[in-house]
All heavy atoms as atom14 arrays in JSON, in Angstrom:
{
  "sequence": "FILCLGHGAGKIKQYFLDYNECANNDFVFSDGGRRVTLLNSDIDDWT",
  "atom14_mask": [
    [1, 1, 1, 1, 1, 1, 1, 1, 1, 1, 1, 0, 0, 0],
    [1, 1, 1, 1, 1, 1, 1, 1, 0, 0, 0, 0, 0, 0],
    [1, 1, 1, 1, 1, 1, 1, 1, 0, 0, 0, 0, 0, 0],
    [1, 1, 1, 1, 1, 1, 0, 0, 0, 0, 0, 0, 0, 0],
    [1, 1, 1, 1, 1, 1, 1, 1, 0, 0, 0, 0, 0, 0],
    [1, 1, 1, 1, 0, 0, 0, 0, 0, 0, 0, 0, 0, 0],
    [1, 1, 1, 1, 1, 1, 1, 1, 1, 1, 0, 0, 0, 0],
    [1, 1, 1, 1, 0, 0, 0, 0, 0, 0, 0, 0, 0, 0],
    [1, 1, 1, 1, 1, 0, 0, 0, 0, 0, 0, 0, 0, 0],
    [1, 1, 1, 1, 0, 0, 0, 0, 0, 0, 0, 0, 0, 0],
    [1, 1, 1, 1, 1, 1, 1, 1, 1, 0, 0, 0, 0, 0],
    [1, 1, 1, 1, 1, 1, 1, 1, 0, 0, 0, 0, 0, 0],
    [1, 1, 1, 1, 1, 1, 1, 1, 1, 0, 0, 0, 0, 0],
    [1, 1, 1, 1, 1, 1, 1, 1, 1, 0, 0, 0, 0, 0],
    [1, 1, 1, 1, 1, 1, 1, 1, 1, 1, 1, 1, 0, 0],
    [1, 1, 1, 1, 1, 1, 1, 1, 1, 1, 1, 0, 0, 0],
    [1, 1, 1, 1, 1, 1, 1, 1, 0, 0, 0, 0, 0, 0],
    [1, 1, 1, 1, 1, 1, 1, 1, 0, 0, 0, 0, 0, 0],
    [1, 1, 1, 1, 1, 1, 1, 1, 1, 1, 1, 1, 0, 0],
    [1, 1, 1, 1, 1, 1, 1, 1, 0, 0, 0, 0, 0, 0],
    [1, 1, 1, 1, 1, 1, 1, 1, 1, 0, 0, 0, 0, 0],
    [1, 1, 1, 1, 1, 1, 0, 0, 0, 0, 0, 0, 0, 0],
    [1, 1, 1, 1, 1, 0, 0, 0, 0, 0, 0, 0, 0, 0],
    [1, 1, 1, 1, 1, 1, 1, 1, 0, 0, 0, 0, 0, 0],
    [1, 1, 1, 1, 1, 1, 1, 1, 0, 0, 0, 0, 0, 0],
    [1, 1, 1, 1, 1, 1, 1, 1, 0, 0, 0, 0, 0, 0],
    [1, 1, 1, 1, 1, 1, 1, 1, 1, 1, 1, 0, 0, 0],
    [1, 1, 1, 1, 1, 1, 1, 0, 0, 0, 0, 0, 0, 0],
    [1, 1, 1, 1, 1, 1, 1, 1, 1, 1, 1, 0, 0, 0],
    [1, 1, 1, 1, 1, 1, 0, 0, 0, 0, 0, 0, 0, 0],
    [1, 1, 1, 1, 1, 1, 1, 1, 0, 0, 0, 0, 0, 0],
    [1, 1, 1, 1, 0, 0, 0, 0, 0, 0, 0, 0, 0, 0],
    [1, 1, 1, 1, 0, 0, 0, 0, 0, 0, 0, 0, 0, 0],
    [1, 1, 1, 1, 1, 1, 1, 1, 1, 1, 1, 0, 0, 0],
    [1, 1, 1, 1, 1, 1, 1, 1, 1, 1, 1, 0, 0, 0],
    [1, 1, 1, 1, 1, 1, 1, 0, 0, 0, 0, 0, 0, 0],
    [1, 1, 1, 1, 1, 1, 1, 0, 0, 0, 0, 0, 0, 0],
    [1, 1, 1, 1, 1, 1, 1, 1, 0, 0, 0, 0, 0, 0],
    [1, 1, 1, 1, 1, 1, 1, 1, 0, 0, 0, 0, 0, 0],
    [1, 1, 1, 1, 1, 1, 1, 1, 0, 0, 0, 0, 0, 0],
    [1, 1, 1, 1, 1, 1, 0, 0, 0, 0, 0, 0, 0, 0],
    [1, 1, 1, 1, 1, 1, 1, 1, 0, 0, 0, 0, 0, 0],
    [1, 1, 1, 1, 1, 1, 1, 1, 0, 0, 0, 0, 0, 0],
    [1, 1, 1, 1, 1, 1, 1, 1, 0, 0, 0, 0, 0, 0],
    [1, 1, 1, 1, 1, 1, 1, 1, 0, 0, 0, 0, 0, 0],
    [1, 1, 1, 1, 1, 1, 1, 1, 1, 1, 1, 1, 1, 1],
    [1, 1, 1, 1, 1, 1, 1, 0, 0, 0, 0, 0, 0, 0]
  ],
  "atom14_positions": [
    [[-0.18, 6.25, 6.56], [-0.04, 7.16, 7.66], [-0.62, 8.55, 7.4], [-0.51, 8.95, 6.3], [1.45, 7.25, 7.97], [2.23, 6.02, 8.32], [2.91, 5.29, 7.28], [2.03, 5.4, 9.55], [3.56, 4.03, 7.64], [2.63, 4.18, 9.92], [3.41, 3.55, 8.89], [0.0, 0.0, 0.0], [0.0, 0.0, 0.0], [0.0, 0.0, 0.0]],
    [[-1.21, 9.1, 8.4], [-1.68, 10.52, 8.4], [-0.89, 11.26, 9.49], [-1.01, 10.91, 10.6], [-3.22, 10.57, 8.63], [-4.02, 9.68, 7.54], [-3.68, 11.97, 8.7], [-5.46, 9.54, 8.0], [0.0, 0.0, 0.0], [0.0, 0.0, 0.0], [0.0, 0.0, 0.0], [0.0, 0.0, 0.0], [0.0, 0.0, 0.0], [0.0, 0.0, 0.0]],
    [[-0.11, 12.11, 9.08], [0.82, 12.92, 9.99], [-0.07, 14.22, 10.3], [-0.25, 15.03, 9.41], [2.12, 13.24, 9.51], [2.93, 12.08, 9.08], [4.42, 12.51, 8.63], [3.0, 10.92, 10.0], [0.0, 0.0, 0.0], [0.0, 0.0, 0.0], [0.0, 0.0, 0.0], [0.0, 0.0, 0.0], [0.0, 0.0, 0.0], [0.0, 0.0, 0.0]],
    [[-0.35, 14.46, 11.56], [-1.05, 15.65, 11.99], [0.1, 16.69, 12.28], [0.74, 16.62, 13.43], [-1.87, 15.4, 13.24], [-3.21, 14.22, 13.1], [0.0, 0.0, 0.0], [0.0, 0.0, 0.0], [0.0, 0.0, 0.0], [0.0, 0.0, 0.0], [0.0, 0.0, 0.0], [0.0, 0.0, 0.0], [0.0, 0.0, 0.0], [0.0, 0.0, 0.0]],
    [[0.22, 17.6, 11.5], [1.37, 18.54, 11.54], [1.01, 19.85, 12.13], [-0.11, 20.32, 12.15], [1.93, 18.73, 10.19], [2.45, 17.61, 9.39], [2.89, 17.87, 7.96], [3.55, 16.83, 10.09], [0.0, 0.0, 0.0], [0.0, 0.0, 0.0], [0.0, 0.0, 0.0], [0.0, 0.0, 0.0], [0.0, 0.0, 0.0], [0.0, 0.0, 0.0]],
    [[1.91, 20.47, 12.83], [1.83, 21.81, 13.41], [3.2, 22.47, 13.46], [3.69, 22.81, 12.58], [0.0, 0.0, 0.0], [0.0, 0.0, 0.0], [0.0, 0.0, 0.0], [0.0, 0.0, 0.0], [0.0, 0.0, 0.0], [0.0, 0.0, 0.0], [0.0, 0.0, 0.0], [0.0, 0.0, 0.0], [0.0, 0.0, 0.0], [0.0, 0.0, 0.0]],
    [[3.8, 22.45, 14.71], [5.17, 23.02, 14.99], [6.11, 22.13, 14.14], [6.12, 20.87, 14.21], [5.47, 22.88, 16.41], [6.97, 23.08, 16.78], [7.5, 24.42, 16.48], [7.91, 22.31, 17.22], [8.77, 24.35, 16.89], [9.09, 23.1, 17.3], [0.0, 0.0, 0.0], [0.0, 0.0, 0.0], [0.0, 0.0, 0.0], [0.0, 0.0, 0.0]],
    [[6.94, 22.82, 13.43], [8.0, 22.08, 12.64], [7.42, 21.33, 11.37], [8.21, 20.46, 10.85], [0.0, 0.0, 0.0], [0.0, 0.0, 0.0], [0.0, 0.0, 0.0], [0.0, 0.0, 0.0], [0.0, 0.0, 0.0], [0.0, 0.0, 0.0], [0.0, 0.0, 0.0], [0.0, 0.0, 0.0], [0.0, 0.0, 0.0], [0.0, 0.0, 0.0]],
    [[6.26, 21.71, 11.0], [5.66, 20.95, 9.81], [6.66, 20.93, 8.54], [6.81, 19.79, 8.08], [4.41, 21.51, 9.5], [0.0, 0.0, 0.0], [0.0, 0.0, 0.0], [0.0, 0.0, 0.0], [0.0, 0.0, 0.0], [0.0, 0.0, 0.0], [0.0, 0.0, 0.0], [0.0, 0.0, 0.0], [0.0, 0.0, 0.0], [0.0, 0.0, 0.0]],
    [[7.29, 21.91, 8.25], [8.11, 22.07, 7.05], [9.27, 21.04, 7.19], [9.58, 20.41, 6.18], [0.0, 0.0, 0.0], [0.0, 0.0, 0.0], [0.0, 0.0, 0.0], [0.0, 0.0, 0.0], [0.0, 0.0, 0.0], [0.0, 0.0, 0.0], [0.0, 0.0, 0.0], [0.0, 0.0, 0.0], [0.0, 0.0, 0.0], [0.0, 0.0, 0.0]],
    [[9.84, 20.96, 8.3], [10.97, 20.07, 8.5], [10.6, 18.57, 8.35], [11.41, 17.81, 7.86], [11.79, 20.36, 9.75], [12.44, 21.74, 9.8], [13.21, 22.1, 10.96], [13.81, 23.43, 10.88], [14.59, 23.78, 12.13], [0.0, 0.0, 0.0], [0.0, 0.0, 0.0], [0.0, 0.0, 0.0], [0.0, 0.0, 0.0], [0.0, 0.0, 0.0]],
    [[9.51, 18.37, 8.84], [8.89, 16.85, 8.73], [8.65, 16.53, 7.3], [9.09, 15.47, 6.78], [7.8, 16.68, 9.68], [8.05, 16.78, 11.17], [7.07, 15.33, 9.31], [6.95, 16.6, 12.13], [0.0, 0.0, 0.0], [0.0, 0.0, 0.0], [0.0, 0.0, 0.0], [0.0, 0.0, 0.0], [0.0, 0.0, 0.0], [0.0, 0.0, 0.0]],
    [[8.06, 17.43, 6.58], [7.77, 17.32, 5.16], [9.09, 17.05, 4.34], [9.31, 16.27, 3.63], [6.93, 18.43, 4.65], [5.57, 18.61, 5.08], [4.91, 19.82, 4.57], [3.48, 20.01, 4.98], [2.87, 21.24, 4.47], [0.0, 0.0, 0.0], [0.0, 0.0, 0.0], [0.0, 0.0, 0.0], [0.0, 0.0, 0.0], [0.0, 0.0, 0.0]],
    [[9.98, 18.05, 4.74], [11.3, 17.96, 3.98], [12.05, 16.71, 4.31], [12.75, 16.19, 3.32], [12.21, 19.24, 4.26], [13.17, 19.57, 3.18], [12.49, 19.87, 1.95], [11.6, 20.68, 1.83], [13.01, 19.31, 0.79], [0.0, 0.0, 0.0], [0.0, 0.0, 0.0], [0.0, 0.0, 0.0], [0.0, 0.0, 0.0], [0.0, 0.0, 0.0]],
    [[11.99, 16.21, 5.4], [12.66, 15.0, 5.73], [12.18, 13.86, 4.8], [13.18, 13.12, 4.3], [12.5, 14.52, 7.16], [12.93, 13.1, 7.59], [14.39, 12.96, 7.73], [12.17, 12.03, 7.5], [14.87, 11.73, 8.09], [12.69, 10.76, 7.82], [14.08, 10.6, 8.06], [14.38, 9.39, 8.3], [0.0, 0.0, 0.0], [0.0, 0.0, 0.0]],
    [[10.98, 13.71, 4.54], [10.46, 12.64, 3.68], [10.7, 13.02, 2.3], [11.01, 12.1, 1.41], [9.14, 12.31, 3.99], [8.89, 11.6, 5.32], [8.48, 12.26, 6.5], [9.09, 10.2, 5.41], [8.21, 11.54, 7.66], [8.93, 9.56, 6.57], [8.51, 10.19, 7.67], [0.0, 0.0, 0.0], [0.0, 0.0, 0.0], [0.0, 0.0, 0.0]],
    [[10.54, 14.21, 1.88], [10.85, 14.7, 0.47], [12.28, 14.28, 0.18], [12.58, 13.99, -1.02], [10.49, 16.13, 0.24], [9.06, 16.51, 0.35], [8.87, 18.01, 0.24], [8.27, 16.01, -0.96], [0.0, 0.0, 0.0], [0.0, 0.0, 0.0], [0.0, 0.0, 0.0], [0.0, 0.0, 0.0], [0.0, 0.0, 0.0], [0.0, 0.0, 0.0]],
    [[13.16, 14.55, 1.03], [14.62, 14.39, 0.73], [15.03, 12.96, 1.13], [16.22, 12.64, 1.01], [15.45, 15.29, 1.59], [15.27, 16.74, 1.11], [14.86, 17.0, 0.1], [15.61, 17.67, 2.0], [0.0, 0.0, 0.0], [0.0, 0.0, 0.0], [0.0, 0.0, 0.0], [0.0, 0.0, 0.0], [0.0, 0.0, 0.0], [0.0, 0.0, 0.0]],
    [[14.18, 12.03, 1.44], [14.53, 10.7, 1.92], [15.3, 9.87, 0.86], [14.94, 9.74, -0.35], [13.25, 9.87, 2.33], [13.56, 8.74, 3.17], [13.63, 8.73, 4.57], [13.82, 7.49, 2.59], [13.93, 7.78, 5.34], [14.15, 6.27, 3.39], [14.18, 6.59, 4.75], [14.51, 5.44, 5.57], [0.0, 0.0, 0.0], [0.0, 0.0, 0.0]],
    [[16.49, 9.34, 1.32], [17.42, 8.77, 0.34], [17.42, 7.34, 0.8], [18.15, 7.03, 1.9], [18.73, 9.41, 0.26], [19.73, 8.72, -0.52], [19.34, 7.7, -1.29], [20.97, 9.19, -0.68], [0.0, 0.0, 0.0], [0.0, 0.0, 0.0], [0.0, 0.0, 0.0], [0.0, 0.0, 0.0], [0.0, 0.0, 0.0], [0.0, 0.0, 0.0]],
    [[16.82, 6.48, 0.12], [16.88, 4.93, 0.56], [18.31, 4.4, 0.5], [18.62, 3.36, 1.28], [16.06, 4.13, -0.56], [14.49, 4.47, -0.3], [13.89, 3.58, 0.74], [14.52, 3.18, 1.67], [12.61, 3.21, 0.51], [0.0, 0.0, 0.0], [0.0, 0.0, 0.0], [0.0, 0.0, 0.0], [0.0, 0.0, 0.0], [0.0, 0.0, 0.0]],
    [[19.2, 5.03, -0.26], [20.54, 4.5, -0.43], [21.32, 4.78, 0.9], [22.39, 4.1, 1.05], [21.3, 5.1, -1.61], [20.47, 4.67, -3.2], [0.0, 0.0, 0.0], [0.0, 0.0, 0.0], [0.0, 0.0, 0.0], [0.0, 0.0, 0.0], [0.0, 0.0, 0.0], [0.0, 0.0, 0.0], [0.0, 0.0, 0.0], [0.0, 0.0, 0.0]],
    [[20.99, 5.74, 1.67], [21.67, 6.05, 2.8], [21.85, 5.03, 3.89], [22.81, 4.92, 4.49], [21.08, 7.35, 3.4], [0.0, 0.0, 0.0], [0.0, 0.0, 0.0], [0.0, 0.0, 0.0], [0.0, 0.0, 0.0], [0.0, 0.0, 0.0], [0.0, 0.0, 0.0], [0.0, 0.0, 0.0], [0.0, 0.0, 0.0], [0.0, 0.0, 0.0]],
    [[20.73, 4.23, 3.96], [20.81, 3.16, 4.91], [20.37, 1.76, 4.46], [20.06, 0.9, 5.31], [19.73, 3.53, 6.07], [20.12, 4.81, 6.84], [21.0, 4.81, 7.6], [19.49, 6.01, 6.47], [0.0, 0.0, 0.0], [0.0, 0.0, 0.0], [0.0, 0.0, 0.0], [0.0, 0.0, 0.0], [0.0, 0.0, 0.0], [0.0, 0.0, 0.0]],
    [[20.45, 1.61, 3.24], [20.16, 0.19, 2.56], [21.35, -0.11, 1.67], [21.93, 0.63, 1.11], [18.78, 0.29, 1.93], [17.77, 0.45, 2.91], [17.41, -0.52, 3.61], [17.11, 1.59, 2.86], [0.0, 0.0, 0.0], [0.0, 0.0, 0.0], [0.0, 0.0, 0.0], [0.0, 0.0, 0.0], [0.0, 0.0, 0.0], [0.0, 0.0, 0.0]],
    [[21.48, -1.44, 1.43], [22.42, -1.9, 0.59], [21.99, -1.73, -0.87], [20.66, -1.81, -1.07], [22.62, -3.4, 0.77], [23.31, -3.78, 2.06], [23.92, -2.84, 2.71], [23.25, -4.92, 2.6], [0.0, 0.0, 0.0], [0.0, 0.0, 0.0], [0.0, 0.0, 0.0], [0.0, 0.0, 0.0], [0.0, 0.0, 0.0], [0.0, 0.0, 0.0]],
    [[22.79, -1.52, -1.85], [22.42, -1.21, -3.17], [23.68, -1.61, -4.14], [24.72, -1.7, -3.72], [21.9, 0.19, -3.33], [22.98, 1.33, -3.18], [23.78, 1.66, -4.13], [23.18, 1.87, -1.9], [24.72, 2.67, -3.88], [24.08, 2.74, -1.69], [24.76, 3.19, -2.57], [0.0, 0.0, 0.0], [0.0, 0.0, 0.0], [0.0, 0.0, 0.0]],
    [[23.26, -1.71, -5.36], [24.26, -2.01, -6.41], [24.32, -0.76, -7.31], [23.46, -0.25, -7.85], [23.9, -3.21, -7.23], [24.84, -3.38, -8.37], [23.68, -4.48, -6.45], [0.0, 0.0, 0.0], [0.0, 0.0, 0.0], [0.0, 0.0, 0.0], [0.0, 0.0, 0.0], [0.0, 0.0, 0.0], [0.0, 0.0, 0.0], [0.0, 0.0, 0.0]],
    [[25.59, -0.28, -7.35], [25.91, 0.91, -8.24], [26.54, 0.58, -9.5], [27.6, -0.24, -9.54], [26.94, 1.8, -7.34], [27.42, 3.03, -7.99], [26.82, 4.23, -7.61], [28.49, 2.98, -8.82], [27.25, 5.46, -8.25], [28.91, 4.12, -9.42], [28.34, 5.44, -9.11], [0.0, 0.0, 0.0], [0.0, 0.0, 0.0], [0.0, 0.0, 0.0]],
    [[25.97, 0.89, -10.54], [26.53, 0.43, -11.91], [26.37, 1.57, -12.86], [25.68, 2.55, -12.66], [25.84, -0.84, -12.33], [24.48, -0.67, -12.48], [0.0, 0.0, 0.0], [0.0, 0.0, 0.0], [0.0, 0.0, 0.0], [0.0, 0.0, 0.0], [0.0, 0.0, 0.0], [0.0, 0.0, 0.0], [0.0, 0.0, 0.0], [0.0, 0.0, 0.0]],
    [[26.99, 1.27, -14.09], [26.95, 2.23, -15.2], [27.43, 3.64, -14.8], [26.76, 4.66, -15.15], [25.53, 2.33, -15.83], [25.08, 0.95, -16.57], [25.95, 0.27, -16.82], [23.91, 0.83, -16.6], [0.0, 0.0, 0.0], [0.0, 0.0, 0.0], [0.0, 0.0, 0.0], [0.0, 0.0, 0.0], [0.0, 0.0, 0.0], [0.0, 0.0, 0.0]],
    [[28.38, 3.69, -13.89], [28.99, 5.05, -13.59], [27.99, 5.82, -12.76], [28.07, 7.06, -12.6], [0.0, 0.0, 0.0], [0.0, 0.0, 0.0], [0.0, 0.0, 0.0], [0.0, 0.0, 0.0], [0.0, 0.0, 0.0], [0.0, 0.0, 0.0], [0.0, 0.0, 0.0], [0.0, 0.0, 0.0], [0.0, 0.0, 0.0], [0.0, 0.0, 0.0]],
    [[27.03, 5.19, -12.11], [26.14, 5.72, -11.22], [24.72, 6.16, -12.04], [23.89, 6.65, -11.37], [0.0, 0.0, 0.0], [0.0, 0.0, 0.0], [0.0, 0.0, 0.0], [0.0, 0.0, 0.0], [0.0, 0.0, 0.0], [0.0, 0.0, 0.0], [0.0, 0.0, 0.0], [0.0, 0.0, 0.0], [0.0, 0.0, 0.0], [0.0, 0.0, 0.0]],
    [[24.74, 5.79, -13.26], [23.43, 5.95, -13.95], [22.31, 4.9, -13.59], [21.06, 5.2, -13.68], [23.65, 5.88, -15.5], [24.45, 7.04, -16.11], [24.6, 6.89, -17.55], [25.47, 5.79, -18.06], [26.71, 5.81, -18.04], [27.35, 6.93, -17.75], [27.37, 4.83, -18.42], [0.0, 0.0, 0.0], [0.0, 0.0, 0.0], [0.0, 0.0, 0.0]],
    [[22.81, 3.82, -12.95], [21.87, 2.86, -12.44], [22.11, 2.53, -11.05], [23.37, 2.22, -10.74], [21.87, 1.67, -13.35], [20.97, 0.53, -12.85], [21.0, -0.77, -13.6], [20.72, -0.45, -15.04], [20.82, -1.39, -16.04], [21.26, -2.66, -15.78], [20.56, -1.11, -17.32], [0.0, 0.0, 0.0], [0.0, 0.0, 0.0], [0.0, 0.0, 0.0]],
    [[21.23, 2.64, -10.15], [21.27, 2.29, -8.78], [20.17, 1.32, -8.38], [18.98, 1.67, -8.58], [21.3, 3.54, -7.73], [21.36, 3.06, -6.36], [22.44, 4.38, -8.09], [0.0, 0.0, 0.0], [0.0, 0.0, 0.0], [0.0, 0.0, 0.0], [0.0, 0.0, 0.0], [0.0, 0.0, 0.0], [0.0, 0.0, 0.0], [0.0, 0.0, 0.0]],
    [[20.52, 0.1, -8.04], [19.5, -0.87, -7.65], [19.58, -1.2, -6.11], [20.51, -1.72, -5.65], [19.78, -2.24, -8.48], [19.88, -1.94, -9.84], [18.73, -3.21, -8.22], [0.0, 0.0, 0.0], [0.0, 0.0, 0.0], [0.0, 0.0, 0.0], [0.0, 0.0, 0.0], [0.0, 0.0, 0.0], [0.0, 0.0, 0.0], [0.0, 0.0, 0.0]],
    [[18.48, -0.81, -5.61], [18.31, -1.07, -4.21], [18.18, -2.59, -3.92], [17.35, -3.26, -4.6], [17.17, -0.5, -3.53], [17.17, 1.12, -3.31], [15.9, 1.73, -3.16], [18.31, 1.41, -2.23], [0.0, 0.0, 0.0], [0.0, 0.0, 0.0], [0.0, 0.0, 0.0], [0.0, 0.0, 0.0], [0.0, 0.0, 0.0], [0.0, 0.0, 0.0]],
    [[18.85, -3.18, -2.93], [18.77, -4.48, -2.64], [17.7, -4.8, -1.51], [17.16, -5.8, -1.23], [20.15, -5.07, -1.98], [21.13, -5.04, -3.11], [22.49, -5.66, -2.51], [20.8, -5.9, -4.35], [0.0, 0.0, 0.0], [0.0, 0.0, 0.0], [0.0, 0.0, 0.0], [0.0, 0.0, 0.0], [0.0, 0.0, 0.0], [0.0, 0.0, 0.0]],
    [[17.35, -3.72, -0.84], [16.3, -3.68, 0.11], [15.8, -2.31, 0.39], [16.5, -1.37, -0.12], [16.66, -4.35, 1.54], [17.93, -3.72, 2.02], [19.02, -3.86, 1.52], [17.73, -3.07, 3.3], [0.0, 0.0, 0.0], [0.0, 0.0, 0.0], [0.0, 0.0, 0.0], [0.0, 0.0, 0.0], [0.0, 0.0, 0.0], [0.0, 0.0, 0.0]],
    [[14.64, -2.13, 0.99], [14.07, -0.75, 1.0], [13.39, -0.47, 2.44], [12.96, -1.47, 2.95], [13.08, -0.47, -0.12], [12.42, 0.79, 0.01], [0.0, 0.0, 0.0], [0.0, 0.0, 0.0], [0.0, 0.0, 0.0], [0.0, 0.0, 0.0], [0.0, 0.0, 0.0], [0.0, 0.0, 0.0], [0.0, 0.0, 0.0], [0.0, 0.0, 0.0]],
    [[13.26, 0.78, 2.86], [12.67, 1.04, 4.18], [11.15, 1.58, 3.94], [10.35, 0.89, 4.65], [13.29, 2.23, 4.71], [14.77, 1.84, 5.2], [14.97, 0.67, 5.53], [15.59, 2.74, 5.15], [0.0, 0.0, 0.0], [0.0, 0.0, 0.0], [0.0, 0.0, 0.0], [0.0, 0.0, 0.0], [0.0, 0.0, 0.0], [0.0, 0.0, 0.0]],
    [[10.96, 2.39, 2.93], [9.6, 2.97, 3.01], [8.9, 2.99, 1.72], [7.97, 3.65, 1.5], [9.78, 4.46, 3.45], [10.53, 5.43, 2.44], [10.41, 4.59, 4.87], [10.5, 6.77, 2.8], [0.0, 0.0, 0.0], [0.0, 0.0, 0.0], [0.0, 0.0, 0.0], [0.0, 0.0, 0.0], [0.0, 0.0, 0.0], [0.0, 0.0, 0.0]],
    [[9.29, 2.1, 0.77], [8.6, 2.11, -0.49], [7.21, 1.78, -0.64], [6.49, 2.12, -1.57], [9.5, 1.34, -1.59], [9.44, -0.22, -1.19], [9.27, -0.52, -0.12], [9.71, -1.03, -2.11], [0.0, 0.0, 0.0], [0.0, 0.0, 0.0], [0.0, 0.0, 0.0], [0.0, 0.0, 0.0], [0.0, 0.0, 0.0], [0.0, 0.0, 0.0]],
    [[6.76, 1.16, 0.5], [5.33, 0.64, 0.44], [4.46, 1.52, 1.44], [3.37, 1.31, 1.68], [5.23, -0.81, 1.04], [5.76, -1.0, 2.37], [6.58, -0.17, 2.84], [5.43, -2.08, 2.98], [0.0, 0.0, 0.0], [0.0, 0.0, 0.0], [0.0, 0.0, 0.0], [0.0, 0.0, 0.0], [0.0, 0.0, 0.0], [0.0, 0.0, 0.0]],
    [[5.08, 2.7, 1.91], [4.3, 3.61, 2.68], [3.59, 4.56, 1.95], [4.07, 5.11, 0.88], [5.3, 4.34, 3.64], [6.03, 3.56, 4.69], [5.97, 2.16, 4.9], [6.89, 3.88, 5.8], [6.81, 1.75, 5.86], [7.42, 2.79, 6.39], [7.34, 5.26, 6.07], [8.28, 2.93, 7.52], [8.28, 5.3, 7.17], [8.87, 4.21, 7.83]],
    [[2.41, 4.96, 2.37], [1.61, 6.03, 1.9], [1.48, 7.07, 3.06], [0.93, 6.69, 4.15], [0.27, 5.7, 1.36], [0.39, 4.71, 0.29], [-0.59, 6.85, 0.79], [0.0, 0.0, 0.0], [0.0, 0.0, 0.0], [0.0, 0.0, 0.0], [0.0, 0.0, 0.0], [0.0, 0.0, 0.0], [0.0, 0.0, 0.0], [0.0, 0.0, 0.0]]
  ]
}
């Protein structure tokens, strides 16, 4: 993807910089949080 930015560019950048796959995908939490294993992912193959 190539995002043509202008108005609100900083907020669009920050949305992806802060993107948390765990917020909307199932995952396994172990070792007191030292290990988080995603069971599926949204955007790991996006450039």
